[in-house]
Amino acid sequence: TISRDNAKNTVYLQMNSLKPEDAAVYYCNGYFLNTNYW
């Protein structure tokens, strides 16, 4: 589940029932004024 808290300027990703295939490096991304930020 992805969620955002505008007051805290924070985005969350709640991950439940994790599987071995979920293993990875997770990156946050924001698209702002035609630019991708990582």
ModelCIF file with pLDDT and N, C-alpha, C, O atoms, coordinates in Angstrom:
data_MODEL
#
_entry.id   MODEL 
#
_entity.id                         1 
_entity.type                       polymer 
_entity.pdbx_number_of_molecules   1 
#
_entity_poly.entity_id                      1 
_entity_poly.type                           'polypeptide(L)' 
_entity_poly.nstd_linkage                   no 
_entity_poly.nstd_monomer                   no 
_entity_poly.pdbx_seq_one_letter_code       TISRDNAKNTVYLQMNSLKPEDAAVYYCNGYFLNTNYW 
_entity_poly.pdbx_seq_one_letter_code_can   TISRDNAKNTVYLQMNSLKPEDAAVYYCNGYFLNTNYW 
_entity_poly.pdbx_strand_id                 A 
#
loop_
_entity_poly_seq.entity_id 
_entity_poly_seq.num 
_entity_poly_seq.mon_id 
_entity_poly_seq.hetero 
1 1  THR n 
1 2  ILE n 
1 3  SER n 
1 4  ARG n 
1 5  ASP n 
1 6  ASN n 
1 7  ALA n 
1 8  LYS n 
1 9  ASN n 
1 10 THR n 
1 11 VAL n 
1 12 TYR n 
1 13 LEU n 
1 14 GLN n 
1 15 MET n 
1 16 ASN n 
1 17 SER n 
1 18 LEU n 
1 19 LYS n 
1 20 PRO n 
1 21 GLU n 
1 22 ASP n 
1 23 ALA n 
1 24 ALA n 
1 25 VAL n 
1 26 TYR n 
1 27 TYR n 
1 28 CYS n 
1 29 ASN n 
1 30 GLY n 
1 31 TYR n 
1 32 PHE n 
1 33 LEU n 
1 34 ASN n 
1 35 THR n 
1 36 ASN n 
1 37 TYR n 
1 38 TRP n 
#
_struct_asym.id          A 
_struct_asym.entity_id   1 
#
loop_
_ma_qa_metric.id 
_ma_qa_metric.mode 
_ma_qa_metric.name 
_ma_qa_metric.software_group_id 
_ma_qa_metric.type 
1 global pLDDT . pLDDT 
2 local  pLDDT . pLDDT 
#
_ma_qa_metric_global.metric_id      1 
_ma_qa_metric_global.metric_value   95.32 
_ma_qa_metric_global.model_id       1 
_ma_qa_metric_global.ordinal_id     1 
#
loop_
_ma_qa_metric_local.label_asym_id 
_ma_qa_metric_local.label_comp_id 
_ma_qa_metric_local.label_seq_id 
_ma_qa_metric_local.metric_id 
_ma_qa_metric_local.metric_value 
_ma_qa_metric_local.model_id 
_ma_qa_metric_local.ordinal_id 
A THR 1  2 98.00 1 1  
A ILE 2  2 98.00 1 2  
A SER 3  2 97.00 1 3  
A ARG 4  2 94.00 1 4  
A ASP 5  2 93.00 1 5  
A ASN 6  2 89.00 1 6  
A ALA 7  2 92.00 1 7  
A LYS 8  2 95.00 1 8  
A ASN 9  2 95.00 1 9  
A THR 10 2 96.00 1 10 
A VAL 11 2 97.00 1 11 
A TYR 12 2 98.00 1 12 
A LEU 13 2 98.00 1 13 
A GLN 14 2 98.00 1 14 
A MET 15 2 98.00 1 15 
A ASN 16 2 98.00 1 16 
A SER 17 2 98.00 1 17 
A LEU 18 2 98.00 1 18 
A LYS 19 2 98.00 1 19 
A PRO 20 2 97.00 1 20 
A GLU 21 2 97.00 1 21 
A ASP 22 2 98.00 1 22 
A ALA 23 2 98.00 1 23 
A ALA 24 2 98.00 1 24 
A VAL 25 2 98.00 1 25 
A TYR 26 2 98.00 1 26 
A TYR 27 2 98.00 1 27 
A CYS 28 2 97.00 1 28 
A ASN 29 2 96.00 1 29 
A GLY 30 2 94.00 1 30 
A TYR 31 2 89.00 1 31 
A PHE 32 2 87.00 1 32 
A LEU 33 2 87.00 1 33 
A ASN 34 2 88.00 1 34 
A THR 35 2 91.00 1 35 
A ASN 36 2 91.00 1 36 
A TYR 37 2 95.00 1 37 
A TRP 38 2 97.00 1 38 
#
loop_
_atom_site.group_PDB 
_atom_site.id 
_atom_site.type_symbol 
_atom_site.label_atom_id 
_atom_site.label_alt_id 
_atom_site.label_comp_id 
_atom_site.label_asym_id 
_atom_site.label_entity_id 
_atom_site.label_seq_id 
_atom_site.pdbx_PDB_ins_code 
_atom_site.Cartn_x 
_atom_site.Cartn_y 
_atom_site.Cartn_z 
_atom_site.occupancy 
_atom_site.B_iso_or_equiv 
_atom_site.pdbx_formal_charge 
_atom_site.auth_seq_id 
_atom_site.auth_comp_id 
_atom_site.auth_asym_id 
_atom_site.auth_atom_id 
_atom_site.pdbx_PDB_model_num 
ATOM 1   N N  . THR A 1 1  ? 0.842  -1.188  0.000   1.00 98.00 ? 1  THR A N  1 
ATOM 2   C CA . THR A 1 1  ? 0.000  0.000   0.000   1.00 98.00 ? 1  THR A CA 1 
ATOM 3   C C  . THR A 1 1  ? 0.879  1.240   0.000   1.00 98.00 ? 1  THR A C  1 
ATOM 4   O O  . THR A 1 1  ? 1.753  1.394   0.853   1.00 98.00 ? 1  THR A O  1 
ATOM 5   N N  . ILE A 1 2  ? 0.642  2.120   -0.960  1.00 98.00 ? 2  ILE A N  1 
ATOM 6   C CA . ILE A 1 2  ? 1.359  3.381   -1.016  1.00 98.00 ? 2  ILE A CA 1 
ATOM 7   C C  . ILE A 1 2  ? 0.464  4.471   -0.430  1.00 98.00 ? 2  ILE A C  1 
ATOM 8   O O  . ILE A 1 2  ? -0.751 4.476   -0.629  1.00 98.00 ? 2  ILE A O  1 
ATOM 9   N N  . SER A 1 3  ? 1.088  5.383   0.292   1.00 97.00 ? 3  SER A N  1 
ATOM 10  C CA . SER A 1 3  ? 0.332  6.486   0.863   1.00 97.00 ? 3  SER A CA 1 
ATOM 11  C C  . SER A 1 3  ? 1.235  7.708   0.942   1.00 97.00 ? 3  SER A C  1 
ATOM 12  O O  . SER A 1 3  ? 2.456  7.609   0.821   1.00 97.00 ? 3  SER A O  1 
ATOM 13  N N  . ARG A 1 4  ? 0.614  8.848   1.144   1.00 94.00 ? 4  ARG A N  1 
ATOM 14  C CA . ARG A 1 4  ? 1.388  10.073  1.248   1.00 94.00 ? 4  ARG A CA 1 
ATOM 15  C C  . ARG A 1 4  ? 0.847  10.923  2.393   1.00 94.00 ? 4  ARG A C  1 
ATOM 16  O O  . ARG A 1 4  ? -0.361 10.986  2.623   1.00 94.00 ? 4  ARG A O  1 
ATOM 17  N N  . ASP A 1 5  ? 1.752  11.564  3.096   1.00 93.00 ? 5  ASP A N  1 
ATOM 18  C CA . ASP A 1 5  ? 1.395  12.478  4.167   1.00 93.00 ? 5  ASP A CA 1 
ATOM 19  C C  . ASP A 1 5  ? 1.906  13.847  3.746   1.00 93.00 ? 5  ASP A C  1 
ATOM 20  O O  . ASP A 1 5  ? 3.088  14.155  3.906   1.00 93.00 ? 5  ASP A O  1 
ATOM 21  N N  . ASN A 1 6  ? 1.020  14.658  3.214   1.00 89.00 ? 6  ASN A N  1 
ATOM 22  C CA . ASN A 1 6  ? 1.441  15.962  2.705   1.00 89.00 ? 6  ASN A CA 1 
ATOM 23  C C  . ASN A 1 6  ? 1.998  16.853  3.811   1.00 89.00 ? 6  ASN A C  1 
ATOM 24  O O  . ASN A 1 6  ? 2.899  17.655  3.565   1.00 89.00 ? 6  ASN A O  1 
ATOM 25  N N  . ALA A 1 7  ? 1.477  16.722  5.009   1.00 92.00 ? 7  ALA A N  1 
ATOM 26  C CA . ALA A 1 7  ? 1.946  17.558  6.115   1.00 92.00 ? 7  ALA A CA 1 
ATOM 27  C C  . ALA A 1 7  ? 3.389  17.241  6.492   1.00 92.00 ? 7  ALA A C  1 
ATOM 28  O O  . ALA A 1 7  ? 4.131  18.115  6.941   1.00 92.00 ? 7  ALA A O  1 
ATOM 29  N N  . LYS A 1 8  ? 3.776  15.982  6.305   1.00 95.00 ? 8  LYS A N  1 
ATOM 30  C CA . LYS A 1 8  ? 5.141  15.562  6.656   1.00 95.00 ? 8  LYS A CA 1 
ATOM 31  C C  . LYS A 1 8  ? 6.045  15.465  5.427   1.00 95.00 ? 8  LYS A C  1 
ATOM 32  O O  . LYS A 1 8  ? 7.221  15.120  5.542   1.00 95.00 ? 8  LYS A O  1 
ATOM 33  N N  . ASN A 1 9  ? 5.497  15.766  4.259   1.00 95.00 ? 9  ASN A N  1 
ATOM 34  C CA . ASN A 1 9  ? 6.278  15.657  3.012   1.00 95.00 ? 9  ASN A CA 1 
ATOM 35  C C  . ASN A 1 9  ? 6.915  14.278  2.888   1.00 95.00 ? 9  ASN A C  1 
ATOM 36  O O  . ASN A 1 9  ? 8.095  14.148  2.560   1.00 95.00 ? 9  ASN A O  1 
ATOM 37  N N  . THR A 1 10 ? 6.127  13.274  3.152   1.00 96.00 ? 10 THR A N  1 
ATOM 38  C CA . THR A 1 10 ? 6.643  11.907  3.184   1.00 96.00 ? 10 THR A CA 1 
ATOM 39  C C  . THR A 1 10 ? 5.690  10.976  2.440   1.00 96.00 ? 10 THR A C  1 
ATOM 40  O O  . THR A 1 10 ? 4.468  11.098  2.516   1.00 96.00 ? 10 THR A O  1 
ATOM 41  N N  . VAL A 1 11 ? 6.297  10.052  1.728   1.00 97.00 ? 11 VAL A N  1 
ATOM 42  C CA . VAL A 1 11 ? 5.542  9.011   1.043   1.00 97.00 ? 11 VAL A CA 1 
ATOM 43  C C  . VAL A 1 11 ? 5.943  7.674   1.647   1.00 97.00 ? 11 VAL A C  1 
ATOM 44  O O  . VAL A 1 11 ? 7.114  7.446   1.951   1.00 97.00 ? 11 VAL A O  1 
ATOM 45  N N  . TYR A 1 12 ? 4.976  6.803   1.816   1.00 98.00 ? 12 TYR A N  1 
ATOM 46  C CA . TYR A 1 12 ? 5.229  5.511   2.453   1.00 98.00 ? 12 TYR A CA 1 
ATOM 47  C C  . TYR A 1 12 ? 4.899  4.366   1.510   1.00 98.00 ? 12 TYR A C  1 
ATOM 48  O O  . TYR A 1 12 ? 4.097  4.502   0.586   1.00 98.00 ? 12 TYR A O  1 
ATOM 49  N N  . LEU A 1 13 ? 5.531  3.253   1.766   1.00 98.00 ? 13 LEU A N  1 
ATOM 50  C CA . LEU A 1 13 ? 5.157  2.010   1.105   1.00 98.00 ? 13 LEU A CA 1 
ATOM 51  C C  . LEU A 1 13 ? 5.080  0.936   2.179   1.00 98.00 ? 13 LEU A C  1 
ATOM 52  O O  . LEU A 1 13 ? 6.098  0.479   2.697   1.00 98.00 ? 13 LEU A O  1 
ATOM 53  N N  . GLN A 1 14 ? 3.866  0.548   2.499   1.00 98.00 ? 14 GLN A N  1 
ATOM 54  C CA . GLN A 1 14 ? 3.644  -0.543  3.440   1.00 98.00 ? 14 GLN A CA 1 
ATOM 55  C C  . GLN A 1 14 ? 3.677  -1.848  2.679   1.00 98.00 ? 14 GLN A C  1 
ATOM 56  O O  . GLN A 1 14 ? 2.896  -2.051  1.749   1.00 98.00 ? 14 GLN A O  1 
ATOM 57  N N  . MET A 1 15 ? 4.569  -2.728  3.064   1.00 98.00 ? 15 MET A N  1 
ATOM 58  C CA . MET A 1 15 ? 4.745  -3.999  2.352   1.00 98.00 ? 15 MET A CA 1 
ATOM 59  C C  . MET A 1 15 ? 4.423  -5.136  3.310   1.00 98.00 ? 15 MET A C  1 
ATOM 60  O O  . MET A 1 15 ? 5.106  -5.325  4.317   1.00 98.00 ? 15 MET A O  1 
ATOM 61  N N  . ASN A 1 16 ? 3.395  -5.878  2.994   1.00 98.00 ? 16 ASN A N  1 
ATOM 62  C CA . ASN A 1 16 ? 2.977  -7.024  3.796   1.00 98.00 ? 16 ASN A CA 1 
ATOM 63  C C  . ASN A 1 16 ? 3.136  -8.320  3.004   1.00 98.00 ? 16 ASN A C  1 
ATOM 64  O O  . ASN A 1 16 ? 3.253  -8.306  1.779   1.00 98.00 ? 16 ASN A O  1 
ATOM 65  N N  . SER A 1 17 ? 3.138  -9.413  3.711   1.00 98.00 ? 17 SER A N  1 
ATOM 66  C CA . SER A 1 17 ? 3.240  -10.734 3.077   1.00 98.00 ? 17 SER A CA 1 
ATOM 67  C C  . SER A 1 17 ? 4.399  -10.780 2.088   1.00 98.00 ? 17 SER A C  1 
ATOM 68  O O  . SER A 1 17 ? 4.247  -11.216 0.947   1.00 98.00 ? 17 SER A O  1 
ATOM 69  N N  . LEU A 1 18 ? 5.530  -10.334 2.539   1.00 98.00 ? 18 LEU A N  1 
ATOM 70  C CA . LEU A 1 18 ? 6.688  -10.240 1.653   1.00 98.00 ? 18 LEU A CA 1 
ATOM 71  C C  . LEU A 1 18 ? 7.142  -11.613 1.187   1.00 98.00 ? 18 LEU A C  1 
ATOM 72  O O  . LEU A 1 18 ? 7.081  -12.601 1.919   1.00 98.00 ? 18 LEU A O  1 
ATOM 73  N N  . LYS A 1 19 ? 7.596  -11.639 -0.051  1.00 98.00 ? 19 LYS A N  1 
ATOM 74  C CA . LYS A 1 19 ? 8.075  -12.859 -0.680  1.00 98.00 ? 19 LYS A CA 1 
ATOM 75  C C  . LYS A 1 19 ? 9.547  -12.684 -1.049  1.00 98.00 ? 19 LYS A C  1 
ATOM 76  O O  . LYS A 1 19 ? 10.016 -11.556 -1.197  1.00 98.00 ? 19 LYS A O  1 
ATOM 77  N N  . PRO A 1 20 ? 10.276 -13.784 -1.198  1.00 97.00 ? 20 PRO A N  1 
ATOM 78  C CA . PRO A 1 20 ? 11.676 -13.664 -1.605  1.00 97.00 ? 20 PRO A CA 1 
ATOM 79  C C  . PRO A 1 20 ? 11.846 -12.872 -2.905  1.00 97.00 ? 20 PRO A C  1 
ATOM 80  O O  . PRO A 1 20 ? 12.845 -12.176 -3.085  1.00 97.00 ? 20 PRO A O  1 
ATOM 81  N N  . GLU A 1 21 ? 10.879 -12.980 -3.800  1.00 97.00 ? 21 GLU A N  1 
ATOM 82  C CA . GLU A 1 21 ? 10.985 -12.252 -5.071  1.00 97.00 ? 21 GLU A CA 1 
ATOM 83  C C  . GLU A 1 21 ? 10.764 -10.752 -4.923  1.00 97.00 ? 21 GLU A C  1 
ATOM 84  O O  . GLU A 1 21 ? 10.945 -10.007 -5.887  1.00 97.00 ? 21 GLU A O  1 
ATOM 85  N N  . ASP A 1 22 ? 10.375 -10.294 -3.733  1.00 98.00 ? 22 ASP A N  1 
ATOM 86  C CA . ASP A 1 22 ? 10.273 -8.852  -3.488  1.00 98.00 ? 22 ASP A CA 1 
ATOM 87  C C  . ASP A 1 22 ? 11.620 -8.231  -3.134  1.00 98.00 ? 22 ASP A C  1 
ATOM 88  O O  . ASP A 1 22 ? 11.740 -7.008  -3.065  1.00 98.00 ? 22 ASP A O  1 
ATOM 89  N N  . ALA A 1 23 ? 12.619 -9.052  -2.912  1.00 98.00 ? 23 ALA A N  1 
ATOM 90  C CA . ALA A 1 23 ? 13.934 -8.533  -2.543  1.00 98.00 ? 23 ALA A CA 1 
ATOM 91  C C  . ALA A 1 23 ? 14.514 -7.687  -3.671  1.00 98.00 ? 23 ALA A C  1 
ATOM 92  O O  . ALA A 1 23 ? 14.545 -8.106  -4.828  1.00 98.00 ? 23 ALA A O  1 
ATOM 93  N N  . ALA A 1 24 ? 14.965 -6.507  -3.320  1.00 98.00 ? 24 ALA A N  1 
ATOM 94  C CA . ALA A 1 24 ? 15.484 -5.566  -4.320  1.00 98.00 ? 24 ALA A CA 1 
ATOM 95  C C  . ALA A 1 24 ? 15.927 -4.294  -3.601  1.00 98.00 ? 24 ALA A C  1 
ATOM 96  O O  . ALA A 1 24 ? 15.724 -4.134  -2.398  1.00 98.00 ? 24 ALA A O  1 
ATOM 97  N N  . VAL A 1 25 ? 16.528 -3.411  -4.360  1.00 98.00 ? 25 VAL A N  1 
ATOM 98  C CA . VAL A 1 25 ? 16.725 -2.043  -3.873  1.00 98.00 ? 25 VAL A CA 1 
ATOM 99  C C  . VAL A 1 25 ? 15.492 -1.251  -4.275  1.00 98.00 ? 25 VAL A C  1 
ATOM 100 O O  . VAL A 1 25 ? 15.102 -1.241  -5.443  1.00 98.00 ? 25 VAL A O  1 
ATOM 101 N N  . TYR A 1 26 ? 14.891 -0.595  -3.314  1.00 98.00 ? 26 TYR A N  1 
ATOM 102 C CA . TYR A 1 26 ? 13.672 0.173   -3.560  1.00 98.00 ? 26 TYR A CA 1 
ATOM 103 C C  . TYR A 1 26 ? 14.026 1.660   -3.620  1.00 98.00 ? 26 TYR A C  1 
ATOM 104 O O  . TYR A 1 26 ? 14.723 2.202   -2.762  1.00 98.00 ? 26 TYR A O  1 
ATOM 105 N N  . TYR A 1 27 ? 13.515 2.285   -4.666  1.00 98.00 ? 27 TYR A N  1 
ATOM 106 C CA . TYR A 1 27 ? 13.799 3.685   -4.917  1.00 98.00 ? 27 TYR A CA 1 
ATOM 107 C C  . TYR A 1 27 ? 12.518 4.510   -4.875  1.00 98.00 ? 27 TYR A C  1 
ATOM 108 O O  . TYR A 1 27 ? 11.479 4.097   -5.390  1.00 98.00 ? 27 TYR A O  1 
ATOM 109 N N  . CYS A 1 28 ? 12.609 5.656   -4.267  1.00 97.00 ? 28 CYS A N  1 
ATOM 110 C CA . CYS A 1 28 ? 11.520 6.622   -4.271  1.00 97.00 ? 28 CYS A CA 1 
ATOM 111 C C  . CYS A 1 28 ? 11.699 7.537   -5.486  1.00 97.00 ? 28 CYS A C  1 
ATOM 112 O O  . CYS A 1 28 ? 12.819 7.885   -5.859  1.00 97.00 ? 28 CYS A O  1 
ATOM 113 N N  . ASN A 1 29 ? 10.593 7.910   -6.083  1.00 96.00 ? 29 ASN A N  1 
ATOM 114 C CA . ASN A 1 29 ? 10.635 8.752   -7.279  1.00 96.00 ? 29 ASN A CA 1 
ATOM 115 C C  . ASN A 1 29 ? 9.584  9.845   -7.177  1.00 96.00 ? 29 ASN A C  1 
ATOM 116 O O  . ASN A 1 29 ? 8.468  9.628   -6.705  1.00 96.00 ? 29 ASN A O  1 
ATOM 117 N N  . GLY A 1 30 ? 9.977  11.023  -7.636  1.00 94.00 ? 30 GLY A N  1 
ATOM 118 C CA . GLY A 1 30 ? 9.021  12.115  -7.702  1.00 94.00 ? 30 GLY A CA 1 
ATOM 119 C C  . GLY A 1 30 ? 9.133  12.810  -9.050  1.00 94.00 ? 30 GLY A C  1 
ATOM 120 O O  . GLY A 1 30 ? 10.229 13.131  -9.510  1.00 94.00 ? 30 GLY A O  1 
ATOM 121 N N  . TYR A 1 31 ? 7.988  13.038  -9.675  1.00 89.00 ? 31 TYR A N  1 
ATOM 122 C CA . TYR A 1 31 ? 7.979  13.703  -10.982 1.00 89.00 ? 31 TYR A CA 1 
ATOM 123 C C  . TYR A 1 31 ? 7.460  15.109  -10.770 1.00 89.00 ? 31 TYR A C  1 
ATOM 124 O O  . TYR A 1 31 ? 6.305  15.308  -10.397 1.00 89.00 ? 31 TYR A O  1 
ATOM 125 N N  . PHE A 1 32 ? 8.335  16.094  -11.015 1.00 87.00 ? 32 PHE A N  1 
ATOM 126 C CA . PHE A 1 32 ? 8.022  17.482  -10.698 1.00 87.00 ? 32 PHE A CA 1 
ATOM 127 C C  . PHE A 1 32 ? 8.590  18.386  -11.768 1.00 87.00 ? 32 PHE A C  1 
ATOM 128 O O  . PHE A 1 32 ? 9.780  18.327  -12.077 1.00 87.00 ? 32 PHE A O  1 
ATOM 129 N N  . LEU A 1 33 ? 7.750  19.211  -12.325 1.00 87.00 ? 33 LEU A N  1 
ATOM 130 C CA . LEU A 1 33 ? 8.167  20.159  -13.368 1.00 87.00 ? 33 LEU A CA 1 
ATOM 131 C C  . LEU A 1 33 ? 8.977  19.464  -14.462 1.00 87.00 ? 33 LEU A C  1 
ATOM 132 O O  . LEU A 1 33 ? 10.073 19.887  -14.828 1.00 87.00 ? 33 LEU A O  1 
ATOM 133 N N  . ASN A 1 34 ? 8.386  18.375  -14.968 1.00 88.00 ? 34 ASN A N  1 
ATOM 134 C CA . ASN A 1 34 ? 8.958  17.635  -16.099 1.00 88.00 ? 34 ASN A CA 1 
ATOM 135 C C  . ASN A 1 34 ? 10.322 17.018  -15.802 1.00 88.00 ? 34 ASN A C  1 
ATOM 136 O O  . ASN A 1 34 ? 11.096 16.752  -16.722 1.00 88.00 ? 34 ASN A O  1 
ATOM 137 N N  . THR A 1 35 ? 10.614 16.793  -14.547 1.00 91.00 ? 35 THR A N  1 
ATOM 138 C CA . THR A 1 35 ? 11.883 16.173  -14.160 1.00 91.00 ? 35 THR A CA 1 
ATOM 139 C C  . THR A 1 35 ? 11.618 15.023  -13.201 1.00 91.00 ? 35 THR A C  1 
ATOM 140 O O  . THR A 1 35 ? 10.810 15.139  -12.279 1.00 91.00 ? 35 THR A O  1 
ATOM 141 N N  . ASN A 1 36 ? 12.309 13.911  -13.428 1.00 91.00 ? 36 ASN A N  1 
ATOM 142 C CA . ASN A 1 36 ? 12.239 12.775  -12.520 1.00 91.00 ? 36 ASN A CA 1 
ATOM 143 C C  . ASN A 1 36 ? 13.330 12.891  -11.467 1.00 91.00 ? 36 ASN A C  1 
ATOM 144 O O  . ASN A 1 36 ? 14.504 13.063  -11.795 1.00 91.00 ? 36 ASN A O  1 
ATOM 145 N N  . TYR A 1 37 ? 12.946 12.797  -10.223 1.00 95.00 ? 37 TYR A N  1 
ATOM 146 C CA . TYR A 1 37 ? 13.903 12.832  -9.119  1.00 95.00 ? 37 TYR A CA 1 
ATOM 147 C C  . TYR A 1 37 ? 13.904 11.471  -8.435  1.00 95.00 ? 37 TYR A C  1 
ATOM 148 O O  . TYR A 1 37 ? 12.862 10.835  -8.281  1.00 95.00 ? 37 TYR A O  1 
ATOM 149 N N  . TRP A 1 38 ? 15.112 11.031  -8.022  1.00 97.00 ? 38 TRP A N  1 
ATOM 150 C CA . TRP A 1 38 ? 15.282 9.719   -7.412  1.00 97.00 ? 38 TRP A CA 1 
ATOM 151 C C  . TRP A 1 38 ? 16.005 9.831   -6.079  1.00 97.00 ? 38 TRP A C  1 
ATOM 152 O O  . TRP A 1 38 ? 16.238 8.820   -5.417  1.00 97.00 ? 38 TRP A O  1 
#
